[in-house]
PDB file of N, CA and C in Angstrom:
ATOM      1  N   MET A   1     105.124  50.602 -36.892  1.00  0.00           N
ATOM      2  CA  MET A   1     103.742  49.882 -35.724  1.00  0.00           C
ATOM      3  C   MET A   1     103.037  48.963 -37.248  1.00  0.00           C
ATOM      4  N   ASN A   2     102.287  47.917 -36.121  1.00  0.00           N
ATOM      5  CA  ASN A   2     101.989  46.494 -37.024  1.00  0.00           C
ATOM      6  C   ASN A   2     100.551  46.940 -37.133  1.00  0.00           C
ATOM      7  N   THR A   3     100.404  46.830 -38.804  1.00  0.00           N
ATOM      8  CA  THR A   3      99.050  47.355 -38.852  1.00  0.00           C
ATOM      9  C   THR A   3      97.608  46.849 -38.167  1.00  0.00           C
ATOM     10  N   LYS A   4      98.001  45.578 -38.119  1.00  0.00           N
ATOM     11  CA  LYS A   4      96.453  45.287 -36.977  1.00  0.00           C
ATOM     12  C   LYS A   4      96.738  45.378 -35.683  1.00  0.00           C
ATOM     13  N   LEU A   5      97.908  46.137 -34.967  1.00  0.00           N
ATOM     14  CA  LEU A   5      97.794  46.761 -33.745  1.00  0.00           C
ATOM     15  C   LEU A   5      97.072  47.878 -33.732  1.00  0.00           C
ATOM     16  N   ILE A   6      97.372  49.006 -34.973  1.00  0.00           N
ATOM     17  CA  ILE A   6      96.730  49.951 -35.581  1.00  0.00           C
ATOM     18  C   ILE A   6      95.329  49.978 -35.261  1.00  0.00           C
ATOM     19  N   ILE A   7      94.769  48.936 -35.941  1.00  0.00           N
ATOM     20  CA  ILE A   7      93.348  48.746 -36.496  1.00  0.00           C
ATOM     21  C   ILE A   7      92.922  48.365 -35.450  1.00  0.00           C
ATOM     22  N   ALA A   8      93.154  47.356 -34.589  1.00  0.00           N
ATOM     23  CA  ALA A   8      92.984  47.434 -33.135  1.00  0.00           C
ATOM     24  C   ALA A   8      92.809  48.364 -32.260  1.00  0.00           C
ATOM     25  N   THR A   9      93.743  49.571 -31.949  1.00  0.00           N
ATOM     26  CA  THR A   9      93.901  50.563 -31.380  1.00  0.00           C
ATOM     27  C   THR A   9      92.559  51.046 -32.208  1.00  0.00           C
ATOM     28  N   LEU A  10      92.633  51.352 -32.948  1.00  0.00           N
ATOM     29  CA  LEU A  10      91.355  52.483 -33.710  1.00  0.00           C
ATOM     30  C   LEU A  10      89.824  51.769 -33.544  1.00  0.00           C
ATOM     31  N   GLY A  11      90.229  50.668 -33.764  1.00  0.00           N
ATOM     32  CA  GLY A  11      88.528  50.119 -32.810  1.00  0.00           C
ATOM     33  C   GLY A  11      88.245  50.305 -31.726  1.00  0.00           C
ATOM     34  N   LEU A  12      89.142  50.110 -30.566  1.00  0.00           N
ATOM     35  CA  LEU A  12      89.228  50.656 -29.348  1.00  0.00           C
ATOM     36  C   LEU A  12      88.688  52.048 -29.302  1.00  0.00           C
ATOM     37  N   ALA A  13      89.776  52.502 -29.927  1.00  0.00           N
ATOM     38  CA  ALA A  13      89.492  54.463 -29.703  1.00  0.00           C
ATOM     39  C   ALA A  13      88.112  54.479 -29.832  1.00  0.00           C
ATOM     40  N   SER A  14      87.729  54.062 -30.936  1.00  0.00           N
ATOM     41  CA  SER A  14      86.264  54.582 -31.715  1.00  0.00           C
ATOM     42  C   SER A  14      85.215  54.182 -30.632  1.00  0.00           C
ATOM     43  N   VAL A  15      85.097  52.963 -29.685  1.00  0.00           N
ATOM     44  CA  VAL A  15      84.673  52.184 -28.842  1.00  0.00           C
ATOM     45  C   VAL A  15      84.415  53.511 -27.928  1.00  0.00           C
ATOM     46  N   LEU A  16      85.747  53.410 -27.373  1.00  0.00           N
ATOM     47  CA  LEU A  16      85.881  54.678 -25.970  1.00  0.00           C
ATOM     48  C   LEU A  16      85.256  56.356 -26.417  1.00  0.00           C
ATOM     49  N   SER A  17      84.995  56.697 -27.660  1.00  0.00           N
ATOM     50  CA  SER A  17      85.350  57.720 -27.354  1.00  0.00           C
ATOM     51  C   SER A  17      83.772  57.646 -28.394  1.00  0.00           C
ATOM     52  N   PHE A  18      82.550  56.716 -28.373  1.00  0.00           N
ATOM     53  CA  PHE A  18      81.162  56.875 -28.876  1.00  0.00           C
ATOM     54  C   PHE A  18      80.499  57.953 -28.506  1.00  0.00           C
ATOM     55  N   GLY A  19      80.705  59.412 -29.378  1.00  0.00           N
ATOM     56  CA  GLY A  19      80.027  60.231 -28.994  1.00  0.00           C
ATOM     57  C   GLY A  19      79.131  61.012 -29.552  1.00  0.00           C
ATOM     58  N   ALA A  20      78.844  62.195 -30.033  1.00  0.00           N
ATOM     59  CA  ALA A  20      77.869  63.255 -30.925  1.00  0.00           C
ATOM     60  C   ALA A  20      77.548  62.697 -31.918  1.00  0.00           C
ATOM     61  N   SER A  21      79.040  62.460 -32.693  1.00  0.00           N
ATOM     62  CA  SER A  21      78.998  61.765 -34.174  1.00  0.00           C
ATOM     63  C   SER A  21      78.628  60.353 -34.288  1.00  0.00           C
ATOM     64  N   ALA A  22      77.780  59.710 -33.012  1.00  0.00           N
ATOM     65  CA  ALA A  22      77.477  58.123 -33.120  1.00  0.00           C
ATOM     66  C   ALA A  22      76.569  57.989 -34.102  1.00  0.00           C
ATOM     67  N   ALA A  23      75.672  58.575 -35.341  1.00  0.00           N
ATOM     68  CA  ALA A  23      75.101  58.323 -35.844  1.00  0.00           C
ATOM     69  C   ALA A  23      76.034  57.594 -36.906  1.00  0.00           C
ATOM     70  N   VAL A  24      77.275  57.264 -37.308  1.00  0.00           N
ATOM     71  CA  VAL A  24      77.936  56.414 -38.305  1.00  0.00           C
ATOM     72  C   VAL A  24      78.929  55.966 -37.212  1.00  0.00           C
ATOM     73  N   HIS A  25      78.764  54.306 -37.659  1.00  0.00           N
ATOM     74  CA  HIS A  25      80.137  53.646 -36.569  1.00  0.00           C
ATOM     75  C   HIS A  25      80.916  52.782 -37.451  1.00  0.00           C
ATOM     76  N   GLN A  26      81.984  51.929 -36.616  1.00  0.00           N
ATOM     77  CA  GLN A  26      82.645  51.561 -37.873  1.00  0.00           C
ATOM     78  C   GLN A  26      82.029  49.886 -37.115  1.00  0.00           C
ATOM     79  N   VAL A  27      82.621  49.051 -38.476  1.00  0.00           N
ATOM     80  CA  VAL A  27      81.919  47.825 -38.490  1.00  0.00           C
ATOM     81  C   VAL A  27      83.002  47.010 -38.638  1.00  0.00           C
ATOM     82  N   ASN A  28      82.783  45.733 -38.123  1.00  0.00           N
ATOM     83  CA  ASN A  28      83.880  44.703 -38.402  1.00  0.00           C
ATOM     84  C   ASN A  28      83.696  44.008 -40.094  1.00  0.00           C
ATOM     85  N   ALA A  29      84.338  42.965 -40.249  1.00  0.00           N
ATOM     86  CA  ALA A  29      83.849  42.364 -41.672  1.00  0.00           C
ATOM     87  C   ALA A  29      83.019  40.972 -41.397  1.00  0.00           C
ATOM     88  N   GLU A  30      82.858  40.878 -40.205  1.00  0.00           N
ATOM     89  CA  GLU A  30      81.581  39.533 -40.228  1.00  0.00           C
ATOM     90  C   GLU A  30      80.170  40.827 -39.621  1.00  0.00           C
ATOM     91  N   GLN A  31      80.434  42.395 -39.635  1.00  0.00           N
ATOM     92  CA  GLN A  31      79.470  42.828 -39.073  1.00  0.00           C
ATOM     93  C   GLN A  31      78.920  42.939 -40.964  1.00  0.00           C
ATOM     94  N   ALA A  32      80.129  43.770 -41.085  1.00  0.00           N
ATOM     95  CA  ALA A  32      79.277  44.170 -42.652  1.00  0.00           C
ATOM     96  C   ALA A  32      78.926  43.510 -43.967  1.00  0.00           C
ATOM     97  N   GLN A  33      78.962  42.123 -43.189  1.00  0.00           N
ATOM     98  CA  GLN A  33      78.100  41.164 -44.525  1.00  0.00           C
ATOM     99  C   GLN A  33      77.031  41.150 -44.414  1.00  0.00           C
ATOM    100  N   GLY A  34      75.761  41.570 -44.081  1.00  0.00           N
ATOM    101  CA  GLY A  34      74.475  42.055 -44.191  1.00  0.00           C
ATOM    102  C   GLY A  34      74.069  43.341 -44.383  1.00  0.00           C
ATOM    103  N   LEU A  35      75.253  44.372 -45.129  1.00  0.00           N
ATOM    104  CA  LEU A  35      74.953  45.380 -44.946  1.00  0.00           C
ATOM    105  C   LEU A  35      74.797  45.588 -46.167  1.00  0.00           C
ATOM    106  N   GLN A  36      74.611  46.951 -46.829  1.00  0.00           N
ATOM    107  CA  GLN A  36      74.678  47.265 -48.254  1.00  0.00           C
ATOM    108  C   GLN A  36      75.774  48.170 -48.630  1.00  0.00           C
ATOM    109  N   SER A  37      77.066  47.832 -49.338  1.00  0.00           N
ATOM    110  CA  SER A  37      77.786  48.570 -49.279  1.00  0.00           C
ATOM    111  C   SER A  37      77.817  49.602 -50.651  1.00  0.00           C
ATOM    112  N   MET A  38      78.429  51.358 -50.220  1.00  0.00           N
ATOM    113  CA  MET A  38      77.910  52.397 -50.992  1.00  0.00           C
ATOM    114  C   MET A  38      79.420  52.774 -51.315  1.00  0.00           C
ATOM    115  N   GLY A  39      80.839  52.204 -51.312  1.00  0.00           N
ATOM    116  CA  GLY A  39      81.527  52.528 -52.009  1.00  0.00           C
ATOM    117  C   GLY A  39      82.823  52.663 -50.990  1.00  0.00           C
ATOM    118  N   SER A  40      83.500  53.020 -51.117  1.00  0.00           N
ATOM    119  CA  SER A  40      84.980  53.548 -49.929  1.00  0.00           C
ATOM    120  C   SER A  40      84.889  54.982 -50.406  1.00  0.00           C
ATOM    121  N   ILE A  41      86.031  55.272 -49.203  1.00  0.00           N
ATOM    122  CA  ILE A  41      86.820  56.745 -48.940  1.00  0.00           C
ATOM    123  C   ILE A  41      87.935  56.704 -48.376  1.00  0.00           C
ATOM    124  N   ALA A  42      88.908  57.711 -48.777  1.00  0.00           N
ATOM    125  CA  ALA A  42      90.166  57.439 -47.932  1.00  0.00           C
ATOM    126  C   ALA A  42      90.455  58.732 -47.602  1.00  0.00           C
ATOM    127  N   VAL A  43      91.161  58.589 -46.865  1.00  0.00           N
ATOM    128  CA  VAL A  43      91.873  59.918 -45.759  1.00  0.00           C
ATOM    129  C   VAL A  43      93.303  60.011 -45.784  1.00  0.00           C
ATOM    130  N   THR A  44      93.666  60.573 -46.179  1.00  0.00           N
ATOM    131  CA  THR A  44      95.034  61.437 -45.994  1.00  0.00           C
ATOM    132  C   THR A  44      95.840  62.453 -45.704  1.00  0.00           C
ATOM    133  N   GLU A  45      97.141  62.140 -45.214  1.00  0.00           N
ATOM    134  CA  GLU A  45      97.909  63.388 -44.552  1.00  0.00           C
ATOM    135  C   GLU A  45      97.422  63.835 -43.073  1.00  0.00           C
ATOM    136  N   VAL A  46      96.436  62.636 -42.313  1.00  0.00           N
ATOM    137  CA  VAL A  46      96.202  62.957 -40.956  1.00  0.00           C
ATOM    138  C   VAL A  46      97.244  62.955 -40.426  1.00  0.00           C
ATOM    139  N   SER A  47      97.432  63.867 -39.163  1.00  0.00           N
ATOM    140  CA  SER A  47      98.580  64.123 -38.617  1.00  0.00           C
ATOM    141  C   SER A  47      97.794  63.981 -37.020  1.00  0.00           C
ATOM    142  N   GLY A  48      98.606  62.998 -35.828  1.00  0.00           N
ATOM    143  CA  GLY A  48      97.853  62.973 -34.771  1.00  0.00           C
ATOM    144  C   GLY A  48      97.609  61.719 -34.134  1.00  0.00           C
ATOM    145  N   SER A  49      96.587  61.379 -33.857  1.00  0.00           N
ATOM    146  CA  SER A  49      96.391  59.979 -32.719  1.00  0.00           C
ATOM    147  C   SER A  49      95.628  58.906 -33.630  1.00  0.00           C
ATOM    148  N   PRO A  50      95.492  57.912 -33.508  1.00  0.00           N
ATOM    149  CA  PRO A  50      94.034  57.284 -34.242  1.00  0.00           C
ATOM    150  C   PRO A  50      92.858  57.911 -34.243  1.00  0.00           C
ATOM    151  N   MET A  51      92.372  58.507 -32.784  1.00  0.00           N
ATOM    152  CA  MET A  51      91.557  59.528 -32.589  1.00  0.00           C
ATOM    153  C   MET A  51      91.167  60.434 -33.767  1.00  0.00           C
ATOM    154  N   ASP A  52      92.368  61.282 -34.354  1.00  0.00           N
ATOM    155  CA  ASP A  52      92.046  61.950 -35.388  1.00  0.00           C
ATOM    156  C   ASP A  52      91.597  61.188 -36.624  1.00  0.00           C
ATOM    157  N   ILE A  53      92.013  60.113 -37.399  1.00  0.00           N
ATOM    158  CA  ILE A  53      91.804  59.597 -38.133  1.00  0.00           C
ATOM    159  C   ILE A  53      90.694  58.806 -38.207  1.00  0.00           C
ATOM    160  N   ARG A  54      89.882  58.665 -36.976  1.00  0.00           N
ATOM    161  CA  ARG A  54      88.748  58.309 -36.944  1.00  0.00           C
ATOM    162  C   ARG A  54      87.750  58.683 -37.229  1.00  0.00           C
ATOM    163  N   GLN A  55      88.054  59.841 -36.500  1.00  0.00           N
ATOM    164  CA  GLN A  55      87.356  61.545 -36.517  1.00  0.00           C
ATOM    165  C   GLN A  55      87.349  62.079 -38.091  1.00  0.00           C
ATOM    166  N   ALA A  56      88.247  61.962 -38.872  1.00  0.00           N
ATOM    167  CA  ALA A  56      88.538  61.945 -40.135  1.00  0.00           C
ATOM    168  C   ALA A  56      87.079  61.396 -41.320  1.00  0.00           C
ATOM    169  N   LEU A  57      87.433  59.690 -40.404  1.00  0.00           N
ATOM    170  CA  LEU A  57      86.551  59.109 -41.629  1.00  0.00           C
ATOM    171  C   LEU A  57      85.415  59.054 -41.381  1.00  0.00           C
ATOM    172  N   VAL A  58      84.976  59.286 -40.042  1.00  0.00           N
ATOM    173  CA  VAL A  58      83.403  59.494 -39.507  1.00  0.00           C
ATOM    174  C   VAL A  58      82.955  60.640 -40.319  1.00  0.00           C
ATOM    175  N   ALA A  59      83.657  61.815 -40.124  1.00  0.00           N
ATOM    176  CA  ALA A  59      83.517  63.043 -41.219  1.00  0.00           C
ATOM    177  C   ALA A  59      82.854  62.942 -42.293  1.00  0.00           C
ATOM    178  N   LYS A  60      83.797  62.294 -43.252  1.00  0.00           N
ATOM    179  CA  LYS A  60      83.808  61.585 -44.586  1.00  0.00           C
ATOM    180  C   LYS A  60      82.392  60.603 -44.959  1.00  0.00           C
ATOM    181  N   ALA A  61      82.285  60.087 -44.008  1.00  0.00           N
ATOM    182  CA  ALA A  61      81.128  58.979 -43.934  1.00  0.00           C
ATOM    183  C   ALA A  61      80.270  59.941 -43.774  1.00  0.00           C
ATOM    184  N   GLU A  62      80.267  60.403 -43.034  1.00  0.00           N
ATOM    185  CA  GLU A  62      78.796  60.982 -42.689  1.00  0.00           C
ATOM    186  C   GLU A  62      78.018  62.098 -43.985  1.00  0.00           C
ATOM    187  N   LYS A  63      79.453  62.838 -44.181  1.00  0.00           N
ATOM    188  CA  LYS A  63      79.129  63.872 -45.605  1.00  0.00           C
ATOM    189  C   LYS A  63      78.582  62.891 -46.828  1.00  0.00           C
ATOM    190  N   ALA A  64      79.279  61.479 -47.270  1.00  0.00           N
ATOM    191  CA  ALA A  64      78.445  60.649 -48.286  1.00  0.00           C
ATOM    192  C   ALA A  64      77.059  60.134 -47.431  1.00  0.00           C
ATOM    193  N   GLY A  65      76.579  59.955 -46.187  1.00  0.00           N
ATOM    194  CA  GLY A  65      75.589  59.293 -46.138  1.00  0.00           C
ATOM    195  C   GLY A  65      75.676  58.290 -45.701  1.00  0.00           C
ATOM    196  N   ALA A  66      76.845  57.584 -45.536  1.00  0.00           N
ATOM    197  CA  ALA A  66      76.622  56.176 -44.432  1.00  0.00           C
ATOM    198  C   ALA A  66      75.589  56.114 -43.222  1.00  0.00           C
ATOM    199  N   SER A  67      75.284  55.027 -43.047  1.00  0.00           N
ATOM    200  CA  SER A  67      75.306  54.566 -41.397  1.00  0.00           C
ATOM    201  C   SER A  67      76.668  54.046 -40.415  1.00  0.00           C
ATOM    202  N   SER A  68      77.750  53.133 -41.652  1.00  0.00           N
ATOM    203  CA  SER A  68      78.344  52.795 -40.880  1.00  0.00           C
ATOM    204  C   SER A  68      79.999  52.598 -42.141  1.00  0.00           C
ATOM    205  N   TYR A  69      80.790  52.205 -41.308  1.00  0.00           N
ATOM    206  CA  TYR A  69      82.184  51.956 -42.110  1.00  0.00           C
ATOM    207  C   TYR A  69      83.002  50.963 -41.933  1.00  0.00           C
ATOM    208  N   ARG A  70      84.116  50.321 -42.764  1.00  0.00           N
ATOM    209  CA  ARG A  70      85.071  49.102 -41.820  1.00  0.00           C
ATOM    210  C   ARG A  70      86.349  49.555 -42.969  1.00  0.00           C
ATOM    211  N   VAL A  71      87.220  49.881 -41.836  1.00  0.00           N
ATOM    212  CA  VAL A  71      88.434  50.294 -42.453  1.00  0.00           C
ATOM    213  C   VAL A  71      89.065  49.372 -42.728  1.00  0.00           C
ATOM    214  N   THR A  72      89.730  49.316 -44.206  1.00  0.00           N
ATOM    215  CA  THR A  72      90.095  48.605 -45.027  1.00  0.00           C
ATOM    216  C   THR A  72      91.578  48.246 -45.038  1.00  0.00           C
ATOM    217  N   GLU A  73      92.478  49.855 -44.681  1.00  0.00           N
ATOM    218  CA  GLU A  73      93.971  49.933 -44.618  1.00  0.00           C
ATOM    219  C   GLU A  73      94.120  50.843 -43.864  1.00  0.00           C
ATOM    220  N   LEU A  74      95.448  50.830 -43.418  1.00  0.00           N
ATOM    221  CA  LEU A  74      95.532  51.722 -42.364  1.00  0.00           C
ATOM    222  C   LEU A  74      97.078  51.764 -42.130  1.00  0.00           C
ATOM    223  N   ASN A  75      97.409  52.935 -43.093  1.00  0.00           N
ATOM    224  CA  ASN A  75      98.925  53.111 -42.978  1.00  0.00           C
ATOM    225  C   ASN A  75      99.774  54.233 -41.643  1.00  0.00           C
ATOM    226  N   ALA A  76     100.562  53.947 -40.788  1.00  0.00           N
ATOM    227  CA  ALA A  76     100.884  55.229 -40.331  1.00  0.00           C
ATOM    228  C   ALA A  76     102.494  55.502 -40.252  1.00  0.00           C
ATOM    229  N   GLY A  77     102.752  56.973 -40.179  1.00  0.00           N
ATOM    230  CA  GLY A  77     104.035  57.232 -40.358  1.00  0.00           C
ATOM    231  C   GLY A  77     104.116  58.345 -39.847  1.00  0.00           C
ATOM    232  N   ASP A  78     104.898  59.414 -40.511  1.00  0.00           N
ATOM    233  CA  ASP A  78     104.739  60.923 -40.197  1.00  0.00           C
ATOM    234  C   ASP A  78     103.327  61.495 -40.066  1.00  0.00           C
ATOM    235  N   HIS A  79     102.357  60.998 -41.191  1.00  0.00           N
ATOM    236  CA  HIS A  79     101.018  61.115 -41.552  1.00  0.00           C
ATOM    237  C   HIS A  79     100.299  59.721 -41.142  1.00  0.00           C
ATOM    238  N   TRP A  80      98.651  60.131 -40.835  1.00  0.00           N
ATOM    239  CA  TRP A  80      98.144  58.746 -41.293  1.00  0.00           C
ATOM    240  C   TRP A  80      97.388  58.617 -42.847  1.00  0.00           C
ATOM    241  N   HIS A  81      97.234  57.465 -43.071  1.00  0.00           N
ATOM    242  CA  HIS A  81      96.364  57.034 -44.317  1.00  0.00           C
ATOM    243  C   HIS A  81      95.542  55.825 -43.733  1.00  0.00           C
ATOM    244  N   ALA A  82      94.141  56.544 -44.563  1.00  0.00           N
ATOM    245  CA  ALA A  82      93.244  55.382 -44.170  1.00  0.00           C
ATOM    246  C   ALA A  82      92.134  54.841 -45.419  1.00  0.00           C
ATOM    247  N   THR A  83      92.067  54.235 -45.927  1.00  0.00           N
ATOM    248  CA  THR A  83      90.826  53.765 -46.397  1.00  0.00           C
ATOM    249  C   THR A  83      89.638  53.004 -45.593  1.00  0.00           C
ATOM    250  N   ALA A  84      88.309  53.022 -46.014  1.00  0.00           N
ATOM    251  CA  ALA A  84      87.103  52.657 -45.692  1.00  0.00           C
ATOM    252  C   ALA A  84      86.551  52.229 -46.708  1.00  0.00           C
ATOM    253  N   GLU A  85      85.518  50.862 -46.290  1.00  0.00           N
ATOM    254  CA  GLU A  85      83.985  50.760 -47.187  1.00  0.00           C
ATOM    255  C   GLU A  85      82.596  51.337 -46.181  1.00  0.00           C
ATOM    256  N   LEU A  86      82.196  51.810 -46.874  1.00  0.00           N
ATOM    257  CA  LEU A  86      80.892  52.886 -46.702  1.00  0.00           C
ATOM    258  C   LEU A  86      80.093  51.953 -46.931  1.00  0.00           C
ATOM    259  N   TYR A  87      78.963  51.850 -45.490  1.00  0.00           N
ATOM    260  CA  TYR A  87      77.549  51.531 -45.729  1.00  0.00           C
ATOM    261  C   TYR A  87      76.339  51.429 -45.163  1.00  0.00           C
ATOM    262  N   LYS A  88      75.199  51.423 -46.359  1.00  0.00           N
ATOM    263  CA  LYS A  88      74.044  52.037 -45.785  1.00  0.00           C
ATOM    264  C   LYS A  88      73.328  51.460 -44.307  1.00  0.00           C
TER     265      LYS A  88
END
């Protein structure tokens, strides 16, 4: 699957599932320009749907104390792998 399509799907899924863990939200590159970077995270070996990878990213971002994140890499196969930049 095309990486851009996967990122778009992940973004759409995050908007549609805006729920209890709304304290951490996904931003795009333009929105991230005014935010302070906190480093990056990675999640690997996540099986399932784009929602599963989003939930894994949100959980790690919350644990790190971030208010938002931006997906910088996303690969799909038998398992998902994603990296994201964290912001305060």
